[in-house]
Amino acid sequence: MTNQEITNRAHVLLSEEEEILIPVFKLYELLKDELDNLDLEVEDFSTVLKEDKRFMVLDSQSTMEPWNEDENEKMAEQGHYQGYRVMLKSRIPSKDEMMQVVTEKMQSTLESLKTAYNVNPDNFDDTEEEEFLQILKKTHDLQKKFDNINKKEE
């Protein structure tokens, strides 16, 4: 299979995805599931995407996720991926769309942190619990700041 055939199929998959910006690894896995003869490694796939003018490949904070590489498969099963993100240049979101996405992600993060704490707070020693609560507070404060920015712009 040629690189052009691979990127054409990747283009179709990205066009059909609800999310605009997705992890390269997720797209790679979708292609592997669909194509029997995908003979690229994920790193080479990233390079092929970067060379195609239809795609925008971005570095992400998620390249620094707080889990070990041996946990990637388990985290991917839960929808969390490390590494670059990719989107179609033809689907670059507007400022309002980006604000909506960021708002949703922040709310989701805050809810996940609250759930993680409430599920089993006995798993933390005193120091870990204090650190976790500080993270929760900082996330909440960041969400409030972001909400205020959104209100000022409306």
N, C-alpha and C. Protein backbone atom coordinates (compact mmCIF):
# COMPACT_ATOMS: atom_id res chain seq x y z
N MET A 1 0.85 -1.18 0.00
CA MET A 1 0.00 0.00 0.00
C MET A 1 0.89 1.24 0.00
N THR A 2 0.57 2.20 -0.85
CA THR A 2 1.39 3.40 -0.97
C THR A 2 1.03 4.41 0.13
N ASN A 3 1.94 5.33 0.34
CA ASN A 3 1.68 6.39 1.31
C ASN A 3 0.46 7.21 0.90
N GLN A 4 0.29 7.44 -0.41
CA GLN A 4 -0.86 8.20 -0.89
C GLN A 4 -2.16 7.48 -0.55
N GLU A 5 -2.20 6.18 -0.72
CA GLU A 5 -3.40 5.41 -0.37
C GLU A 5 -3.68 5.48 1.13
N ILE A 6 -2.62 5.43 1.91
CA ILE A 6 -2.76 5.50 3.37
C ILE A 6 -3.29 6.86 3.78
N THR A 7 -2.70 7.93 3.24
CA THR A 7 -3.16 9.27 3.63
C THR A 7 -4.56 9.56 3.09
N ASN A 8 -4.90 9.01 1.94
CA ASN A 8 -6.27 9.20 1.44
C ASN A 8 -7.28 8.55 2.38
N ARG A 9 -6.97 7.36 2.86
CA ARG A 9 -7.88 6.69 3.79
C ARG A 9 -7.91 7.43 5.13
N ALA A 10 -6.76 7.93 5.58
CA ALA A 10 -6.69 8.72 6.81
C ALA A 10 -7.54 9.97 6.67
N HIS A 11 -7.52 10.58 5.51
CA HIS A 11 -8.32 11.77 5.24
C HIS A 11 -9.81 11.46 5.39
N VAL A 12 -10.23 10.35 4.83
CA VAL A 12 -11.64 9.94 4.94
C VAL A 12 -12.01 9.70 6.40
N LEU A 13 -11.16 8.98 7.12
CA LEU A 13 -11.45 8.69 8.53
C LEU A 13 -11.54 9.97 9.36
N LEU A 14 -10.62 10.90 9.13
CA LEU A 14 -10.66 12.17 9.87
C LEU A 14 -11.89 12.98 9.52
N SER A 15 -12.32 12.90 8.27
CA SER A 15 -13.53 13.62 7.84
C SER A 15 -14.76 13.09 8.56
N GLU A 16 -14.74 11.81 8.88
CA GLU A 16 -15.89 11.16 9.51
C GLU A 16 -15.88 11.25 11.03
N GLU A 17 -14.72 11.59 11.61
CA GLU A 17 -14.59 11.66 13.07
C GLU A 17 -15.37 12.85 13.62
N GLU A 18 -15.99 12.65 14.76
CA GLU A 18 -16.69 13.76 15.42
C GLU A 18 -15.69 14.79 15.94
N GLU A 19 -14.64 14.29 16.57
CA GLU A 19 -13.61 15.19 17.08
C GLU A 19 -12.78 15.72 15.92
N ILE A 20 -12.38 16.96 16.03
CA ILE A 20 -11.60 17.59 14.96
C ILE A 20 -10.12 17.25 15.09
N LEU A 21 -9.62 17.27 16.30
CA LEU A 21 -8.21 17.04 16.57
C LEU A 21 -8.09 15.72 17.32
N ILE A 22 -7.47 14.73 16.69
CA ILE A 22 -7.38 13.42 17.35
C ILE A 22 -5.93 12.98 17.44
N PRO A 23 -5.64 12.09 18.37
CA PRO A 23 -4.28 11.58 18.48
C PRO A 23 -3.87 10.80 17.22
N VAL A 24 -2.65 11.02 16.76
CA VAL A 24 -2.13 10.29 15.61
C VAL A 24 -2.20 8.79 15.88
N PHE A 25 -1.90 8.39 17.10
CA PHE A 25 -1.92 6.97 17.43
C PHE A 25 -3.33 6.39 17.28
N LYS A 26 -4.34 7.16 17.64
CA LYS A 26 -5.72 6.69 17.48
C LYS A 26 -6.05 6.51 16.00
N LEU A 27 -5.66 7.48 15.17
CA LEU A 27 -5.89 7.37 13.74
C LEU A 27 -5.13 6.17 13.17
N TYR A 28 -3.93 5.98 13.63
CA TYR A 28 -3.11 4.83 13.22
C TYR A 28 -3.81 3.52 13.56
N GLU A 29 -4.34 3.43 14.76
CA GLU A 29 -5.06 2.21 15.18
C GLU A 29 -6.31 1.99 14.34
N LEU A 30 -7.04 3.07 14.02
CA LEU A 30 -8.21 2.96 13.16
C LEU A 30 -7.82 2.42 11.78
N LEU A 31 -6.71 2.92 11.26
CA LEU A 31 -6.24 2.45 9.96
C LEU A 31 -5.80 0.99 10.03
N LYS A 32 -5.10 0.62 11.08
CA LYS A 32 -4.66 -0.78 11.23
C LYS A 32 -5.85 -1.72 11.28
N ASP A 33 -6.92 -1.30 11.95
CA ASP A 33 -8.12 -2.13 12.02
C ASP A 33 -8.78 -2.30 10.65
N GLU A 34 -8.63 -1.28 9.82
CA GLU A 34 -9.31 -1.26 8.54
C GLU A 34 -8.47 -1.85 7.40
N LEU A 35 -7.18 -1.63 7.46
CA LEU A 35 -6.29 -2.04 6.37
C LEU A 35 -5.45 -3.24 6.79
N ASP A 36 -5.51 -4.28 6.00
CA ASP A 36 -4.76 -5.49 6.33
C ASP A 36 -3.26 -5.33 6.10
N ASN A 37 -2.89 -4.48 5.18
CA ASN A 37 -1.49 -4.39 4.79
C ASN A 37 -0.84 -3.06 5.15
N LEU A 38 -1.17 -2.51 6.29
CA LEU A 38 -0.53 -1.28 6.76
C LEU A 38 0.84 -1.66 7.32
N ASP A 39 1.88 -1.31 6.58
CA ASP A 39 3.21 -1.74 6.97
C ASP A 39 4.08 -0.61 7.50
N LEU A 40 3.45 0.44 7.98
CA LEU A 40 4.17 1.56 8.60
C LEU A 40 4.11 1.44 10.12
N GLU A 41 5.15 1.86 10.78
CA GLU A 41 5.11 2.03 12.23
C GLU A 41 4.48 3.39 12.51
N VAL A 42 3.99 3.60 13.71
CA VAL A 42 3.28 4.84 14.03
C VAL A 42 4.17 6.07 13.83
N GLU A 43 5.46 5.97 14.12
CA GLU A 43 6.36 7.11 13.94
C GLU A 43 6.47 7.48 12.46
N ASP A 44 6.57 6.45 11.60
CA ASP A 44 6.64 6.69 10.16
C ASP A 44 5.31 7.25 9.65
N PHE A 45 4.21 6.77 10.21
CA PHE A 45 2.89 7.27 9.85
C PHE A 45 2.80 8.76 10.17
N SER A 46 3.29 9.17 11.34
CA SER A 46 3.31 10.60 11.71
C SER A 46 4.07 11.41 10.67
N THR A 47 5.20 10.91 10.24
CA THR A 47 6.02 11.62 9.25
C THR A 47 5.27 11.75 7.93
N VAL A 48 4.60 10.68 7.51
CA VAL A 48 3.83 10.71 6.26
C VAL A 48 2.72 11.76 6.36
N LEU A 49 2.05 11.82 7.51
CA LEU A 49 0.99 12.82 7.69
C LEU A 49 1.55 14.24 7.64
N LYS A 50 2.70 14.45 8.28
CA LYS A 50 3.31 15.79 8.30
C LYS A 50 3.69 16.26 6.90
N GLU A 51 4.03 15.31 6.03
CA GLU A 51 4.45 15.66 4.67
C GLU A 51 3.27 15.93 3.73
N ASP A 52 2.07 15.57 4.15
CA ASP A 52 0.88 15.76 3.33
C ASP A 52 0.24 17.09 3.70
N LYS A 53 0.01 17.95 2.72
CA LYS A 53 -0.48 19.31 2.96
C LYS A 53 -1.92 19.36 3.44
N ARG A 54 -2.64 18.26 3.38
CA ARG A 54 -4.04 18.25 3.84
C ARG A 54 -4.16 18.15 5.35
N PHE A 55 -3.05 17.75 6.01
CA PHE A 55 -3.09 17.50 7.44
C PHE A 55 -2.28 18.53 8.21
N MET A 56 -2.72 18.76 9.43
CA MET A 56 -1.96 19.57 10.37
C MET A 56 -1.65 18.66 11.56
N VAL A 57 -0.37 18.44 11.81
CA VAL A 57 0.07 17.58 12.90
C VAL A 57 0.67 18.48 13.96
N LEU A 58 0.13 18.38 15.17
CA LEU A 58 0.53 19.26 16.26
C LEU A 58 1.12 18.48 17.42
N ASP A 59 2.13 19.06 18.03
CA ASP A 59 2.65 18.49 19.27
C ASP A 59 1.60 18.78 20.33
N SER A 60 1.61 18.00 21.36
CA SER A 60 0.56 18.12 22.37
C SER A 60 1.14 17.95 23.75
N GLN A 61 0.50 18.61 24.70
CA GLN A 61 0.87 18.37 26.10
C GLN A 61 0.73 16.89 26.42
N SER A 62 -0.12 16.22 25.69
CA SER A 62 -0.35 14.81 25.95
C SER A 62 0.86 13.95 25.62
N THR A 63 1.88 14.53 24.99
CA THR A 63 3.10 13.75 24.78
C THR A 63 3.81 13.57 26.11
N MET A 64 3.34 14.27 27.13
CA MET A 64 3.96 14.19 28.44
C MET A 64 2.98 13.67 29.49
N GLU A 65 2.11 12.76 29.09
CA GLU A 65 1.13 12.22 30.03
C GLU A 65 1.85 11.51 31.17
N PRO A 66 1.25 11.54 32.33
CA PRO A 66 1.91 10.99 33.52
C PRO A 66 1.75 9.47 33.66
N TRP A 67 2.02 8.74 32.59
CA TRP A 67 2.03 7.29 32.71
C TRP A 67 3.22 6.75 31.93
N ASN A 68 3.62 5.56 32.30
CA ASN A 68 4.77 4.92 31.66
C ASN A 68 4.37 4.37 30.30
N GLU A 69 5.34 4.22 29.43
CA GLU A 69 5.09 3.73 28.08
C GLU A 69 4.42 2.35 28.10
N ASP A 70 4.75 1.52 29.08
CA ASP A 70 4.16 0.18 29.13
C ASP A 70 2.67 0.22 29.49
N GLU A 71 2.16 1.38 29.89
CA GLU A 71 0.74 1.53 30.20
C GLU A 71 -0.05 2.13 29.04
N ASN A 72 0.62 2.40 27.91
CA ASN A 72 -0.04 3.04 26.76
C ASN A 72 -1.25 2.26 26.28
N GLU A 73 -1.13 0.94 26.18
CA GLU A 73 -2.23 0.13 25.66
C GLU A 73 -3.45 0.22 26.58
N LYS A 74 -3.21 0.12 27.88
CA LYS A 74 -4.32 0.21 28.85
C LYS A 74 -4.97 1.59 28.79
N MET A 75 -4.15 2.63 28.70
CA MET A 75 -4.68 3.99 28.65
C MET A 75 -5.43 4.23 27.34
N ALA A 76 -4.94 3.67 26.24
CA ALA A 76 -5.61 3.83 24.94
C ALA A 76 -6.99 3.18 24.97
N GLU A 77 -7.10 2.06 25.66
CA GLU A 77 -8.41 1.41 25.80
C GLU A 77 -9.42 2.33 26.50
N GLN A 78 -8.91 3.23 27.32
CA GLN A 78 -9.76 4.18 28.04
C GLN A 78 -9.88 5.51 27.29
N GLY A 79 -9.28 5.58 26.10
CA GLY A 79 -9.40 6.79 25.28
C GLY A 79 -8.35 7.85 25.54
N HIS A 80 -7.25 7.48 26.19
CA HIS A 80 -6.18 8.44 26.48
C HIS A 80 -4.94 8.04 25.69
N TYR A 81 -4.41 9.00 24.94
CA TYR A 81 -3.28 8.72 24.07
C TYR A 81 -2.19 9.74 24.28
N GLN A 82 -0.95 9.28 24.15
CA GLN A 82 0.18 10.18 24.16
C GLN A 82 0.50 10.56 22.73
N GLY A 83 1.30 11.58 22.56
CA GLY A 83 1.85 11.89 21.26
C GLY A 83 1.13 12.98 20.49
N TYR A 84 1.54 13.08 19.25
CA TYR A 84 1.04 14.12 18.36
C TYR A 84 -0.46 13.99 18.12
N ARG A 85 -1.06 15.11 17.75
CA ARG A 85 -2.46 15.17 17.36
C ARG A 85 -2.51 15.58 15.89
N VAL A 86 -3.55 15.16 15.20
CA VAL A 86 -3.70 15.46 13.78
C VAL A 86 -5.11 15.96 13.50
N MET A 87 -5.19 16.87 12.54
CA MET A 87 -6.49 17.36 12.07
C MET A 87 -6.37 17.69 10.59
N LEU A 88 -7.51 17.79 9.96
CA LEU A 88 -7.54 18.22 8.57
C LEU A 88 -7.48 19.74 8.53
N LYS A 89 -6.66 20.28 7.67
CA LYS A 89 -6.59 21.74 7.54
C LYS A 89 -7.94 22.31 7.11
N SER A 90 -8.71 21.51 6.39
CA SER A 90 -10.03 21.96 5.95
C SER A 90 -11.05 22.02 7.08
N ARG A 91 -10.69 21.49 8.25
CA ARG A 91 -11.61 21.48 9.39
C ARG A 91 -11.10 22.32 10.56
N ILE A 92 -10.23 23.27 10.31
CA ILE A 92 -9.72 24.11 11.38
C ILE A 92 -10.90 24.82 12.02
N PRO A 93 -11.06 24.66 13.33
CA PRO A 93 -12.24 25.23 14.00
C PRO A 93 -12.15 26.74 14.18
N SER A 94 -13.32 27.35 14.30
CA SER A 94 -13.38 28.78 14.59
C SER A 94 -13.02 29.01 16.06
N LYS A 95 -12.84 30.26 16.42
CA LYS A 95 -12.52 30.61 17.81
C LYS A 95 -13.63 30.15 18.74
N ASP A 96 -14.89 30.35 18.36
CA ASP A 96 -16.02 29.92 19.20
C ASP A 96 -16.04 28.41 19.38
N GLU A 97 -15.75 27.68 18.32
CA GLU A 97 -15.70 26.21 18.42
C GLU A 97 -14.59 25.78 19.36
N MET A 98 -13.44 26.43 19.26
CA MET A 98 -12.32 26.09 20.14
C MET A 98 -12.65 26.40 21.60
N MET A 99 -13.29 27.52 21.83
CA MET A 99 -13.68 27.87 23.20
C MET A 99 -14.63 26.82 23.75
N GLN A 100 -15.54 26.34 22.93
CA GLN A 100 -16.48 25.31 23.35
C GLN A 100 -15.75 24.00 23.68
N VAL A 101 -14.81 23.62 22.85
CA VAL A 101 -14.05 22.39 23.07
C VAL A 101 -13.25 22.49 24.37
N VAL A 102 -12.58 23.62 24.56
CA VAL A 102 -11.77 23.80 25.77
C VAL A 102 -12.67 23.78 27.01
N THR A 103 -13.80 24.43 26.93
CA THR A 103 -14.74 24.43 28.05
C THR A 103 -15.18 23.01 28.39
N GLU A 104 -15.54 22.24 27.38
CA GLU A 104 -15.96 20.86 27.61
C GLU A 104 -14.85 20.02 28.21
N LYS A 105 -13.62 20.18 27.70
CA LYS A 105 -12.48 19.42 28.21
C LYS A 105 -12.19 19.78 29.67
N MET A 106 -12.28 21.07 29.99
CA MET A 106 -12.02 21.49 31.36
C MET A 106 -13.08 20.94 32.31
N GLN A 107 -14.34 20.98 31.89
CA GLN A 107 -15.41 20.43 32.72
C GLN A 107 -15.23 18.93 32.91
N SER A 108 -14.85 18.25 31.85
CA SER A 108 -14.62 16.81 31.93
C SER A 108 -13.46 16.49 32.87
N THR A 109 -12.39 17.26 32.75
CA THR A 109 -11.23 17.06 33.62
C THR A 109 -11.60 17.26 35.09
N LEU A 110 -12.33 18.32 35.35
CA LEU A 110 -12.74 18.61 36.72
C LEU A 110 -13.62 17.50 37.27
N GLU A 111 -14.57 17.04 36.47
CA GLU A 111 -15.45 15.95 36.91
C GLU A 111 -14.66 14.66 37.13
N SER A 112 -13.71 14.37 36.26
CA SER A 112 -12.88 13.17 36.42
C SER A 112 -12.06 13.22 37.70
N LEU A 113 -11.51 14.39 37.99
CA LEU A 113 -10.74 14.54 39.23
C LEU A 113 -11.62 14.36 40.46
N LYS A 114 -12.81 14.94 40.43
CA LYS A 114 -13.74 14.78 41.55
C LYS A 114 -14.12 13.32 41.73
N THR A 115 -14.42 12.66 40.63
CA THR A 115 -14.80 11.25 40.69
C THR A 115 -13.65 10.41 41.23
N ALA A 116 -12.44 10.66 40.73
CA ALA A 116 -11.28 9.90 41.19
C ALA A 116 -11.07 10.06 42.69
N TYR A 117 -11.29 11.25 43.17
CA TYR A 117 -11.12 11.48 44.61
C TYR A 117 -12.22 10.80 45.41
N ASN A 118 -13.45 10.90 44.93
CA ASN A 118 -14.58 10.35 45.68
C ASN A 118 -14.68 8.84 45.62
N VAL A 119 -14.11 8.22 44.60
CA VAL A 119 -14.20 6.76 44.47
C VAL A 119 -13.52 6.07 45.64
N ASN A 120 -12.32 6.50 45.96
CA ASN A 120 -11.61 5.85 47.05
C ASN A 120 -10.56 6.77 47.65
N PRO A 121 -10.98 7.73 48.45
CA PRO A 121 -10.01 8.68 49.01
C PRO A 121 -9.04 8.04 50.00
N ASP A 122 -9.34 6.83 50.45
CA ASP A 122 -8.44 6.15 51.39
C ASP A 122 -7.16 5.67 50.72
N ASN A 123 -7.11 5.71 49.39
CA ASN A 123 -5.90 5.30 48.67
C ASN A 123 -4.77 6.31 48.84
N PHE A 124 -5.08 7.51 49.30
CA PHE A 124 -4.08 8.56 49.43
C PHE A 124 -3.54 8.61 50.85
N ASP A 125 -2.22 8.82 50.95
CA ASP A 125 -1.71 9.19 52.27
C ASP A 125 -1.95 10.69 52.41
N ASP A 126 -1.64 11.26 53.57
CA ASP A 126 -1.95 12.67 53.81
C ASP A 126 -1.31 13.61 52.79
N THR A 127 -0.05 13.37 52.44
CA THR A 127 0.65 14.22 51.49
C THR A 127 0.03 14.12 50.11
N GLU A 128 -0.27 12.90 49.66
CA GLU A 128 -0.88 12.70 48.35
C GLU A 128 -2.27 13.33 48.28
N GLU A 129 -3.01 13.19 49.36
CA GLU A 129 -4.34 13.78 49.39
C GLU A 129 -4.26 15.30 49.28
N GLU A 130 -3.33 15.91 50.00
CA GLU A 130 -3.16 17.36 49.94
C GLU A 130 -2.78 17.80 48.53
N GLU A 131 -1.85 17.07 47.89
CA GLU A 131 -1.44 17.39 46.53
C GLU A 131 -2.62 17.26 45.57
N PHE A 132 -3.39 16.20 45.73
CA PHE A 132 -4.53 15.97 44.86
C PHE A 132 -5.56 17.08 45.01
N LEU A 133 -5.83 17.47 46.25
CA LEU A 133 -6.79 18.55 46.49
C LEU A 133 -6.30 19.88 45.91
N GLN A 134 -4.99 20.10 45.95
CA GLN A 134 -4.43 21.31 45.35
C GLN A 134 -4.62 21.30 43.83
N ILE A 135 -4.41 20.14 43.23
CA ILE A 135 -4.62 20.02 41.78
C ILE A 135 -6.09 20.27 41.45
N LEU A 136 -6.96 19.71 42.25
CA LEU A 136 -8.40 19.90 42.05
C LEU A 136 -8.76 21.38 42.15
N LYS A 137 -8.22 22.06 43.14
CA LYS A 137 -8.49 23.48 43.31
C LYS A 137 -7.93 24.30 42.15
N LYS A 138 -6.71 24.01 41.73
CA LYS A 138 -6.11 24.74 40.61
C LYS A 138 -6.92 24.54 39.34
N THR A 139 -7.41 23.33 39.12
CA THR A 139 -8.23 23.06 37.94
C THR A 139 -9.53 23.84 38.02
N HIS A 140 -10.12 23.86 39.18
CA HIS A 140 -11.36 24.60 39.38
C HIS A 140 -11.13 26.10 39.16
N ASP A 141 -10.05 26.62 39.70
CA ASP A 141 -9.72 28.04 39.52
C ASP A 141 -9.47 28.37 38.05
N LEU A 142 -8.79 27.47 37.35
CA LEU A 142 -8.53 27.68 35.93
C LEU A 142 -9.83 27.68 35.14
N GLN A 143 -10.75 26.80 35.50
CA GLN A 143 -12.04 26.77 34.83
C GLN A 143 -12.79 28.09 35.05
N LYS A 144 -12.74 28.61 36.27
CA LYS A 144 -13.42 29.88 36.56
C LYS A 144 -12.81 31.01 35.73
N LYS A 145 -11.48 31.06 35.64
CA LYS A 145 -10.81 32.09 34.83
C LYS A 145 -11.23 31.98 33.37
N PHE A 146 -11.27 30.77 32.88
CA PHE A 146 -11.65 30.57 31.49
C PHE A 146 -13.10 30.98 31.26
N ASP A 147 -13.97 30.64 32.18
CA ASP A 147 -15.38 31.04 32.08
C ASP A 147 -15.52 32.56 32.05
N ASN A 148 -14.71 33.26 32.88
CA ASN A 148 -14.74 34.72 32.90
C ASN A 148 -14.27 35.30 31.56
N ILE A 149 -13.26 34.69 30.97
CA ILE A 149 -12.78 35.15 29.66
C ILE A 149 -13.89 34.97 28.64
N ASN A 150 -14.56 33.84 28.67
CA ASN A 150 -15.67 33.57 27.75
C ASN A 150 -16.79 34.61 27.91
N LYS A 151 -17.12 34.95 29.14
CA LYS A 151 -18.20 35.91 29.40
C LYS A 151 -17.82 37.30 28.89
N LYS A 152 -16.56 37.69 29.06
CA LYS A 152 -16.11 39.02 28.60
C LYS A 152 -16.19 39.12 27.08
N GLU A 153 -15.94 38.02 26.40
CA GLU A 153 -15.93 38.05 24.94
C GLU A 153 -17.32 37.98 24.34
N GLU A 154 -18.30 37.59 25.11
CA GLU A 154 -19.68 37.51 24.60
C GLU A 154 -20.29 38.83 24.59
